[in-house]
Structures are given as structure tokens and as C-alpha cells.
Amino acid sequence: MPFARPSRAGLLRGVAVTVITATITLAAACSDEDTVDTIPPPWPTRTTTPDGPPQPPSVETTTPTFSVAGTT
């Protein structure tokens, strides 16, 4: 059985797949960013010691002072 001649649409599809694949491959090869074998930056070192767990805000227990104008 002889091979059938590929249609024009089939040839265009093959050319399109080849061009797209080559473009993606070239873009990946020319990329400055390496997303596979990158080493993350180190954690920043702690410069102070922790003061323990967070505390609730302190409540002032002072009594408010006020004066009424016109009285002695």
C-alpha cells in the first residue's frame, strides 16, 4: 500500500507545531532565569532575643483629672 500524500492542512499543522516548539525551546535556552535549580536566599539571622509570647496591651489605671471652668 503506497503512502498517501499529506494534505496541505496537515503540512501547515506540522510546520506550525515545529515553529512553536522551536520558539519555546529557544526562549527557554536564552532565558536568564533558572527556575529549576535555584537556591533560595538564606533566612535573615535574628539580631535580638525574643521577649516571650505576645502580651495583651497594658491598661492604665489612672483616674482622669478634669476641672470645671469658673469654679474655685
C-alpha atoms as a PDB file:
ATOM      1  CA  MET A   1       0.000   0.000   0.000  1.00  0.00           C
ATOM      2  CA  PRO A   2       1.641   3.303  -1.019  1.00  0.00           C
ATOM      3  CA  PHE A   3       1.845   6.213   1.355  1.00  0.00           C
ATOM      4  CA  ALA A   4      -0.809   8.866   0.854  1.00  0.00           C
ATOM      5  CA  ARG A   5       0.410  12.342   0.068  1.00  0.00           C
ATOM      6  CA  PRO A   6      -0.122  14.621   3.112  1.00  0.00           C
ATOM      7  CA  SER A   7      -2.757  17.288   2.709  1.00  0.00           C
ATOM      8  CA  ARG A   8      -1.995  20.988   2.755  1.00  0.00           C
ATOM      9  CA  ALA A   9      -3.695  21.343   6.154  1.00  0.00           C
ATOM     10  CA  GLY A  10      -1.576  18.545   7.572  1.00  0.00           C
ATOM     11  CA  LEU A  11       1.613  20.150   6.307  1.00  0.00           C
ATOM     12  CA  LEU A  12       0.640  23.542   7.760  1.00  0.00           C
ATOM     13  CA  ARG A  13      -0.167  21.924  11.093  1.00  0.00           C
ATOM     14  CA  GLY A  14       3.213  20.181  11.134  1.00  0.00           C
ATOM     15  CA  VAL A  15       5.047  23.390  10.283  1.00  0.00           C
ATOM     16  CA  ALA A  16       3.124  25.276  12.992  1.00  0.00           C
ATOM     17  CA  VAL A  17       3.954  22.655  15.638  1.00  0.00           C
ATOM     18  CA  THR A  18       7.622  22.744  14.618  1.00  0.00           C
ATOM     19  CA  VAL A  19       7.787  26.554  14.756  1.00  0.00           C
ATOM     20  CA  ILE A  20       6.046  26.738  18.142  1.00  0.00           C
ATOM     21  CA  THR A  21       8.270  24.014  19.617  1.00  0.00           C
ATOM     22  CA  ALA A  22      11.418  25.695  18.303  1.00  0.00           C
ATOM     23  CA  THR A  23      10.309  29.073  19.674  1.00  0.00           C
ATOM     24  CA  ILE A  24       9.641  27.687  23.150  1.00  0.00           C
ATOM     25  CA  THR A  25      12.929  25.766  23.148  1.00  0.00           C
ATOM     26  CA  LEU A  26      14.901  28.822  22.042  1.00  0.00           C
ATOM     27  CA  ALA A  27      13.192  31.052  24.613  1.00  0.00           C
ATOM     28  CA  ALA A  28      13.969  28.574  27.391  1.00  0.00           C
ATOM     29  CA  ALA A  29      17.581  28.258  26.280  1.00  0.00           C
ATOM     30  CA  CYS A  30      18.086  32.031  26.172  1.00  0.00           C
ATOM     31  CA  SER A  31      16.337  32.737  29.463  1.00  0.00           C
ATOM     32  CA  ASP A  32      18.432  34.344  32.189  1.00  0.00           C
ATOM     33  CA  GLU A  33      16.301  32.874  34.934  1.00  0.00           C
ATOM     34  CA  ASP A  34      16.895  29.314  36.008  1.00  0.00           C
ATOM     35  CA  THR A  35      13.684  28.122  37.605  1.00  0.00           C
ATOM     36  CA  VAL A  36      14.740  24.541  38.260  1.00  0.00           C
ATOM     37  CA  ASP A  37      17.966  24.570  40.249  1.00  0.00           C
ATOM     38  CA  THR A  38      17.774  27.833  42.111  1.00  0.00           C
ATOM     39  CA  ILE A  39      18.842  28.055  45.741  1.00  0.00           C
ATOM     40  CA  PRO A  40      16.600  30.282  47.849  1.00  0.00           C
ATOM     41  CA  PRO A  41      18.255  33.091  49.785  1.00  0.00           C
ATOM     42  CA  PRO A  42      19.105  32.280  53.409  1.00  0.00           C
ATOM     43  CA  TRP A  43      16.773  33.286  56.203  1.00  0.00           C
ATOM     44  CA  PRO A  44      17.810  36.525  57.878  1.00  0.00           C
ATOM     45  CA  THR A  45      19.654  35.992  61.125  1.00  0.00           C
ATOM     46  CA  ARG A  46      17.942  37.073  64.320  1.00  0.00           C
ATOM     47  CA  THR A  47      19.672  40.031  65.900  1.00  0.00           C
ATOM     48  CA  THR A  48      17.635  40.194  69.112  1.00  0.00           C
ATOM     49  CA  THR A  49      16.372  37.594  71.507  1.00  0.00           C
ATOM     50  CA  PRO A  50      12.620  37.141  71.758  1.00  0.00           C
ATOM     51  CA  ASP A  51      10.839  38.570  74.781  1.00  0.00           C
ATOM     52  CA  GLY A  52       8.456  35.663  75.099  1.00  0.00           C
ATOM     53  CA  PRO A  53       4.881  35.320  73.863  1.00  0.00           C
ATOM     54  CA  PRO A  54       2.947  38.460  72.974  1.00  0.00           C
ATOM     55  CA  GLN A  55       1.280  40.160  75.928  1.00  0.00           C
ATOM     56  CA  PRO A  56      -2.081  41.956  75.932  1.00  0.00           C
ATOM     57  CA  PRO A  57      -1.836  45.735  75.891  1.00  0.00           C
ATOM     58  CA  SER A  58      -1.465  47.226  79.339  1.00  0.00           C
ATOM     59  CA  VAL A  59      -4.461  49.047  80.765  1.00  0.00           C
ATOM     60  CA  GLU A  60      -3.741  52.295  82.555  1.00  0.00           C
ATOM     61  CA  THR A  61      -5.380  52.502  85.967  1.00  0.00           C
ATOM     62  CA  THR A  62      -5.011  56.231  86.497  1.00  0.00           C
ATOM     63  CA  THR A  63      -8.095  58.296  87.247  1.00  0.00           C
ATOM     64  CA  PRO A  64      -8.741  61.119  84.843  1.00  0.00           C
ATOM     65  CA  THR A  65      -8.459  64.641  86.226  1.00  0.00           C
ATOM     66  CA  PHE A  66     -10.571  67.477  84.961  1.00  0.00           C
ATOM     67  CA  SER A  67     -11.559  70.924  86.029  1.00  0.00           C
ATOM     68  CA  VAL A  68     -14.737  72.870  85.583  1.00  0.00           C
ATOM     69  CA  ALA A  69     -14.252  76.369  84.291  1.00  0.00           C
ATOM     70  CA  GLY A  70     -15.498  79.157  86.558  1.00  0.00           C
ATOM     71  CA  THR A  71     -15.272  77.280  89.870  1.00  0.00           C
ATOM     72  CA  THR A  72     -12.654  77.603  92.584  1.00  0.00           C
END
